[in-house]
Amino acid sequence: MTNILSDLTEEFELESKSTRKILEGVDFSHSMWKPHEKSMTLGRLATHIAELPVWINRILSSDKFDFATAKFTPNVASNDQDLLKTFEEHFISAKKALNEVANDDFLNQSWTAVRGDITVASSSRKMAIRHWAINHIIHHRGQLSVFLRLLNIPVPGLYGPSADDRR
């Protein structure tokens, strides 16, 4: 029988290694660059990725998250050191929350995201963590890898070597 908490923690830690690798490759001299007018800037996208582990804390600390009442200010790290510091702080906090608060029964309990009276999503906490934190990070890492490639910045291998690792 598998332990949900153990598996979730292991997956989060494993994916965080890849997240750290790609964030280490961000060149902040291009922080205001974006590939399309509807895209985030490179600096905002990288900072967003660094902040996403906070979703684990949100999911573990409450039964519901309301986008209508949540205060949100999009941040942009000031440089690469600030970016990595932001990620490390959020990673450590999320890992601590997983280790101290959660257990399998708790992770199977319901969690809901709403926008006022509208339900955005509802699932178990374990699925919410996978969706709102882990998968969300993976999705934006993919975007960031494209940003880096378009800027001719080496893209690190995340699940094995990249074309830049094979020189």
Protein backbone atom coordinates (compact mmCIF):
# COMPACT_ATOMS: atom_id res chain seq x y z
CA MET A 1 0.00 0.00 0.00
CA THR A 2 1.41 3.37 -0.96
CA ASN A 3 1.54 6.37 1.28
CA ILE A 4 -0.07 9.37 -0.44
CA LEU A 5 1.84 11.93 1.61
CA SER A 6 5.17 10.25 0.97
CA ASP A 7 4.53 9.96 -2.77
CA LEU A 8 3.32 13.55 -3.06
CA THR A 9 6.31 14.86 -1.11
CA GLU A 10 8.71 12.82 -3.24
CA GLU A 11 7.14 14.09 -6.46
CA PHE A 12 7.26 17.71 -5.24
CA GLU A 13 10.93 17.39 -4.27
CA LEU A 14 11.84 15.70 -7.57
CA GLU A 15 10.07 18.32 -9.68
CA SER A 16 11.61 21.09 -7.58
CA LYS A 17 15.08 19.96 -8.72
CA SER A 18 14.05 20.60 -12.33
CA THR A 19 12.41 23.88 -11.37
CA ARG A 20 15.57 25.04 -9.63
CA LYS A 21 17.64 24.10 -12.71
CA ILE A 22 15.54 26.13 -15.12
CA LEU A 23 15.30 29.13 -12.77
CA GLU A 24 19.10 29.11 -12.44
CA GLY A 25 19.26 29.58 -16.23
CA VAL A 26 17.15 32.74 -16.33
CA ASP A 27 19.12 35.77 -17.54
CA PHE A 28 17.58 38.85 -15.93
CA SER A 29 19.06 41.16 -18.54
CA HIS A 30 16.03 39.97 -20.55
CA SER A 31 13.51 40.25 -17.70
CA MET A 32 11.17 42.59 -19.61
CA TRP A 33 11.17 40.49 -22.81
CA LYS A 34 8.08 38.59 -23.88
CA PRO A 35 7.43 36.61 -27.06
CA HIS A 36 3.90 37.93 -27.59
CA GLU A 37 1.81 40.85 -26.36
CA LYS A 38 -0.43 38.46 -24.38
CA SER A 39 2.52 36.69 -22.75
CA MET A 40 4.04 37.43 -19.36
CA THR A 41 7.49 38.95 -19.40
CA LEU A 42 10.39 36.59 -18.79
CA GLY A 43 10.90 38.08 -15.32
CA ARG A 44 7.24 37.77 -14.36
CA LEU A 45 6.96 34.18 -15.66
CA ALA A 46 10.10 33.10 -13.79
CA THR A 47 8.89 34.79 -10.60
CA HIS A 48 5.46 33.20 -10.98
CA ILE A 49 7.11 29.77 -11.16
CA ALA A 50 9.21 30.57 -8.08
CA GLU A 51 6.07 31.54 -6.13
CA LEU A 52 3.84 28.61 -7.14
CA PRO A 53 4.77 26.30 -4.24
CA VAL A 54 2.66 28.67 -2.11
CA TRP A 55 -0.37 26.79 -3.43
CA ILE A 56 0.59 23.83 -1.26
CA ASN A 57 0.36 26.05 1.82
CA ARG A 58 -2.98 27.49 0.67
CA ILE A 59 -4.46 24.07 0.07
CA LEU A 60 -3.26 22.65 3.38
CA SER A 61 -4.29 25.66 5.48
CA SER A 62 -7.89 26.07 4.32
CA ASP A 63 -10.82 24.15 2.84
CA LYS A 64 -11.42 26.83 0.22
CA PHE A 65 -9.61 29.55 -1.73
CA ASP A 66 -11.61 32.50 -3.07
CA PHE A 67 -10.05 34.38 -5.98
CA ALA A 68 -12.61 37.17 -5.52
CA THR A 69 -11.34 38.09 -2.06
CA ALA A 70 -7.68 37.08 -2.36
CA LYS A 71 -5.24 39.95 -2.53
CA PHE A 72 -2.81 39.44 -5.39
CA THR A 73 0.01 41.63 -6.62
CA PRO A 74 2.09 40.22 -9.48
CA ASN A 75 5.72 40.35 -8.39
CA VAL A 76 8.87 40.34 -10.47
CA ALA A 77 12.14 39.32 -8.89
CA SER A 78 14.75 42.05 -9.10
CA ASN A 79 17.56 39.72 -10.22
CA ASP A 80 18.54 36.06 -10.49
CA GLN A 81 19.57 35.83 -6.83
CA ASP A 82 16.22 37.26 -5.72
CA LEU A 83 14.43 34.77 -8.01
CA LEU A 84 16.23 31.77 -6.51
CA LYS A 85 15.73 33.09 -2.97
CA THR A 86 11.99 33.45 -3.64
CA PHE A 87 11.81 29.88 -4.93
CA GLU A 88 13.81 28.44 -2.03
CA GLU A 89 11.66 30.24 0.55
CA HIS A 90 8.41 29.00 -1.01
CA PHE A 91 9.80 25.48 -1.54
CA ILE A 92 10.96 25.18 2.08
CA SER A 93 7.66 26.54 3.40
CA ALA A 94 5.60 24.15 1.25
CA LYS A 95 7.75 21.16 2.17
CA LYS A 96 7.43 22.05 5.86
CA ALA A 97 3.64 22.30 5.49
CA LEU A 98 3.53 18.89 3.82
CA ASN A 99 5.67 17.33 6.53
CA GLU A 100 3.95 18.95 9.52
CA VAL A 101 0.31 19.33 8.60
CA ALA A 102 -0.72 16.70 6.13
CA ASN A 103 -1.49 13.02 6.44
CA ASP A 104 -3.23 10.68 4.03
CA ASP A 105 -6.71 11.16 5.53
CA PHE A 106 -6.30 14.94 5.44
CA LEU A 107 -5.06 14.81 1.84
CA ASN A 108 -8.19 12.89 0.82
CA GLN A 109 -10.47 15.61 2.20
CA SER A 110 -12.20 18.04 -0.15
CA TRP A 111 -10.70 21.37 -1.21
CA THR A 112 -12.41 23.98 -3.39
CA ALA A 113 -11.34 27.01 -5.40
CA VAL A 114 -14.04 29.60 -5.99
CA ARG A 115 -14.46 33.05 -7.47
CA GLY A 116 -17.23 34.47 -5.34
CA ASP A 117 -20.25 32.22 -5.85
CA ILE A 118 -18.70 30.37 -8.80
CA THR A 119 -16.88 27.09 -8.14
CA VAL A 120 -13.68 27.05 -10.18
CA ALA A 121 -12.52 23.60 -9.08
CA SER A 122 -13.25 21.07 -6.38
CA SER A 123 -11.27 17.93 -5.60
CA SER A 124 -9.35 16.19 -2.86
CA ARG A 125 -6.45 18.13 -1.37
CA LYS A 126 -3.98 15.64 -2.88
CA MET A 127 -5.37 16.30 -6.38
CA ALA A 128 -5.51 20.04 -5.75
CA ILE A 129 -1.82 20.01 -4.78
CA ARG A 130 -0.94 18.10 -7.94
CA HIS A 131 -3.06 20.43 -10.11
CA TRP A 132 -2.57 23.88 -8.54
CA ALA A 133 1.06 23.45 -7.50
CA ILE A 134 3.02 20.63 -9.14
CA ASN A 135 1.34 20.48 -12.58
CA HIS A 136 1.04 24.27 -12.65
CA ILE A 137 4.80 24.58 -12.11
CA ILE A 138 5.51 21.98 -14.81
CA HIS A 139 3.24 23.83 -17.27
CA HIS A 140 4.98 27.17 -16.73
CA ARG A 141 8.44 25.56 -16.80
CA GLY A 142 7.56 24.42 -20.31
CA GLN A 143 6.70 27.99 -21.26
CA LEU A 144 9.90 29.25 -19.67
CA SER A 145 11.99 26.73 -21.62
CA VAL A 146 10.54 28.15 -24.85
CA PHE A 147 11.29 31.71 -23.71
CA LEU A 148 14.90 30.72 -23.01
CA ARG A 149 15.24 28.96 -26.38
CA LEU A 150 13.86 32.01 -28.24
CA LEU A 151 16.43 34.18 -26.45
CA ASN A 152 19.28 31.78 -27.27
CA ILE A 153 19.78 31.05 -23.57
CA PRO A 154 20.78 27.42 -22.90
CA VAL A 155 17.86 25.27 -21.81
CA PRO A 156 18.75 22.75 -19.10
CA GLY A 157 17.63 19.16 -19.38
CA LEU A 158 14.70 18.62 -17.07
CA TYR A 159 13.89 14.95 -17.76
CA GLY A 160 17.21 13.94 -19.27
CA PRO A 161 19.63 15.92 -21.42
CA SER A 162 18.48 18.85 -23.54
CA ALA A 163 19.96 19.81 -26.91
CA ASP A 164 22.18 22.26 -24.98
CA ASP A 165 23.47 19.47 -22.70
CA ARG A 166 24.68 17.43 -25.69
CA ARG A 167 27.39 19.79 -26.93
